[in-house]
Amino acid sequence: MRNAMLAMIMTTLSLMTGEIHAATDKTFPADVGPGRVAWFDITTTNLPRSKEFYGKLFDWQFTPVQGTDQVAEIVAGGTAIGTLRVAEGKISTFNGVVYVQVADVQAGCKKAKELGGTVVDGFPFNLSNGTGAIGLVVDPVGHPVGLYSRTPLAPAPSSPAK
């Protein structure tokens, strides 16, 4: 289960950091406001079948992601809102992450820790395309949730020269 969660996180990071580029130019995700879902991933064992299902159910369109045939960007009303991606192995409750918009990713991660959650190693960090920052936390019962801010993290203070 941990490997599936890590694979999902790595796919999401690749998409959000620009290591895999969508066929369209990237812009800021929609500004949905703090506390609202800003991005999500849905996993599947059959990408064509899931695209047909969700396309008909929600009238979503799908943009190919360059460099892979295992992921498609979900587009609703002309706006990219998430990804549909092939899962490694059996789908579980850990396959898929919702990214909730927050005003400050660092403050959100700190609050999650205070409430009994954990921050996944390597988070938070700025997205390479300059569209903000993300954090990934695991709630007290083990479910991952992403934090997204349209504001990049402040640069780390430099250490004084010795």
Protein backbone atom coordinates (compact mmCIF):
# COMPACT_ATOMS: atom_id res chain seq x y z
CA MET A 1 0.00 0.00 0.00
CA ARG A 2 2.87 2.37 0.82
CA ASN A 3 4.43 1.73 -2.61
CA ALA A 4 1.15 2.58 -4.34
CA MET A 5 0.90 5.81 -2.34
CA LEU A 6 4.49 6.73 -3.17
CA ALA A 7 3.93 6.00 -6.88
CA MET A 8 0.83 8.18 -6.84
CA ILE A 9 2.71 10.98 -5.12
CA MET A 10 5.56 10.78 -7.60
CA THR A 11 3.17 10.92 -10.57
CA THR A 12 1.41 13.91 -9.06
CA LEU A 13 4.69 15.65 -8.35
CA SER A 14 5.88 15.04 -11.89
CA LEU A 15 2.72 16.58 -13.25
CA MET A 16 2.64 19.51 -10.86
CA THR A 17 6.35 20.32 -11.09
CA GLY A 18 6.45 20.14 -14.86
CA GLU A 19 8.68 17.07 -15.21
CA ILE A 20 5.91 15.70 -17.43
CA HIS A 21 4.29 18.45 -19.48
CA ALA A 22 0.69 18.61 -20.60
CA ALA A 23 0.08 19.23 -24.27
CA THR A 24 -1.21 22.70 -23.41
CA ASP A 25 0.73 25.57 -21.82
CA LYS A 26 0.54 25.53 -18.05
CA THR A 27 -1.07 28.41 -16.23
CA PHE A 28 -2.03 28.87 -12.61
CA PRO A 29 -4.66 26.39 -11.43
CA ALA A 30 -7.99 28.07 -10.81
CA ASP A 31 -8.06 30.30 -7.72
CA VAL A 32 -10.83 28.51 -5.86
CA GLY A 33 -10.15 30.13 -2.49
CA PRO A 34 -8.79 28.69 0.75
CA GLY A 35 -10.47 25.54 2.02
CA ARG A 36 -11.72 24.44 -1.42
CA VAL A 37 -10.45 21.64 -3.64
CA ALA A 38 -7.90 23.04 -6.09
CA TRP A 39 -6.69 19.81 -7.80
CA PHE A 40 -7.23 16.07 -7.53
CA ASP A 41 -6.05 12.77 -8.93
CA ILE A 42 -8.27 9.80 -9.80
CA THR A 43 -6.66 6.41 -10.29
CA THR A 44 -7.81 3.67 -12.62
CA THR A 45 -6.78 0.28 -13.90
CA ASN A 46 -8.30 1.05 -17.33
CA LEU A 47 -7.60 4.58 -18.59
CA PRO A 48 -9.77 4.44 -21.76
CA ARG A 49 -12.77 3.05 -19.85
CA SER A 50 -12.42 5.64 -17.08
CA LYS A 51 -12.08 8.48 -19.60
CA GLU A 52 -15.31 7.34 -21.27
CA PHE A 53 -17.12 7.00 -17.91
CA TYR A 54 -16.06 10.35 -16.43
CA GLY A 55 -16.35 12.13 -19.77
CA LYS A 56 -19.98 11.08 -20.08
CA LEU A 57 -20.78 11.48 -16.37
CA PHE A 58 -19.31 14.97 -15.87
CA ASP A 59 -18.75 16.15 -19.46
CA TRP A 60 -15.00 16.23 -18.80
CA GLN A 61 -12.45 16.37 -21.59
CA PHE A 62 -8.97 14.86 -21.34
CA THR A 63 -5.67 16.32 -22.48
CA PRO A 64 -2.82 13.92 -23.22
CA VAL A 65 0.24 14.31 -21.04
CA GLN A 66 3.45 14.29 -23.05
CA GLY A 67 5.91 11.58 -22.13
CA THR A 68 3.37 9.04 -20.86
CA ASP A 69 0.28 7.13 -21.90
CA GLN A 70 -0.53 6.41 -18.25
CA VAL A 71 -1.89 9.86 -17.32
CA ALA A 72 -4.45 12.26 -18.77
CA GLU A 73 -5.15 15.77 -17.53
CA ILE A 74 -8.84 16.32 -16.67
CA VAL A 75 -10.32 19.48 -18.22
CA ALA A 76 -13.70 20.91 -17.19
CA GLY A 77 -15.06 24.09 -18.73
CA GLY A 78 -11.69 24.73 -20.36
CA THR A 79 -9.81 24.54 -17.04
CA ALA A 80 -7.45 21.76 -15.96
CA ILE A 81 -8.76 20.44 -12.64
CA GLY A 82 -6.86 17.21 -12.03
CA THR A 83 -5.50 14.03 -13.52
CA LEU A 84 -6.76 10.57 -14.34
CA ARG A 85 -3.89 8.12 -14.00
CA VAL A 86 -3.20 4.41 -14.14
CA ALA A 87 -2.68 2.84 -10.72
CA GLU A 88 0.05 0.34 -9.98
CA GLY A 89 -1.74 -2.75 -8.73
CA LYS A 90 -5.06 -2.87 -6.96
CA ILE A 91 -6.82 0.44 -6.31
CA SER A 92 -7.18 1.28 -2.63
CA THR A 93 -8.34 4.26 -0.61
CA PHE A 94 -4.77 5.57 -0.88
CA ASN A 95 -4.91 5.87 -4.67
CA GLY A 96 -5.70 9.50 -5.30
CA VAL A 97 -4.99 12.76 -3.55
CA VAL A 98 -7.15 15.84 -3.21
CA TYR A 99 -5.25 19.16 -3.08
CA VAL A 100 -7.02 21.76 -0.97
CA GLN A 101 -6.13 25.40 -1.54
CA VAL A 102 -4.67 27.22 1.46
CA ALA A 103 -3.38 30.75 1.90
CA ASP A 104 -0.01 29.59 3.29
CA VAL A 105 1.34 26.06 2.72
CA GLN A 106 3.90 26.27 5.54
CA ALA A 107 1.24 27.38 8.02
CA GLY A 108 -1.07 24.61 6.80
CA CYS A 109 1.62 21.96 7.28
CA LYS A 110 2.37 23.30 10.76
CA LYS A 111 -1.31 23.20 11.71
CA ALA A 112 -1.66 19.63 10.37
CA LYS A 113 1.24 18.54 12.61
CA GLU A 114 -0.34 20.29 15.61
CA LEU A 115 -3.56 18.36 14.94
CA GLY A 116 -1.80 14.98 14.93
CA GLY A 117 -0.97 14.63 11.23
CA THR A 118 2.43 14.23 9.66
CA VAL A 119 4.11 16.08 6.83
CA VAL A 120 5.54 13.78 4.16
CA ASP A 121 9.33 14.08 3.83
CA GLY A 122 10.37 16.55 1.14
CA PHE A 123 7.30 18.75 1.54
CA PRO A 124 6.38 21.55 1.25
CA PHE A 125 8.12 22.91 -1.83
CA ASN A 126 7.63 25.39 -4.65
CA LEU A 127 6.32 24.20 -7.99
CA SER A 128 8.98 24.61 -10.65
CA ASN A 129 6.66 26.46 -13.01
CA GLY A 130 6.17 29.28 -10.48
CA THR A 131 2.47 28.63 -9.95
CA GLY A 132 2.71 28.24 -6.18
CA ALA A 133 3.70 25.64 -3.62
CA ILE A 134 2.42 22.27 -2.45
CA GLY A 135 2.54 20.31 0.76
CA LEU A 136 1.49 16.74 1.44
CA VAL A 137 0.27 15.67 4.84
CA VAL A 138 -1.08 12.41 6.20
CA ASP A 139 -4.01 12.72 8.58
CA PRO A 140 -4.01 10.96 11.98
CA VAL A 141 -5.66 7.85 10.49
CA GLY A 142 -3.31 7.57 7.52
CA HIS A 143 -5.04 9.27 4.57
CA PRO A 144 -2.94 11.67 2.46
CA VAL A 145 -4.21 15.14 1.60
CA GLY A 146 -2.42 17.77 -0.43
CA LEU A 147 -2.17 21.46 0.34
CA TYR A 148 -1.81 23.95 -2.52
CA SER A 149 -1.07 27.67 -2.36
CA ARG A 150 -0.90 30.00 -5.32
CA THR A 151 1.86 31.81 -3.42
CA PRO A 152 5.34 30.26 -3.60
CA LEU A 153 7.26 29.65 -0.37
CA ALA A 154 9.52 32.46 0.78
CA PRO A 155 13.21 31.85 0.02
CA ALA A 156 15.08 30.24 2.90
CA PRO A 157 17.32 32.70 4.73
CA SER A 158 20.94 32.24 3.74
CA SER A 159 23.45 31.23 6.39
CA PRO A 160 26.06 33.81 7.33
CA ALA A 161 29.44 33.15 5.71
CA LYS A 162 32.10 31.78 8.06
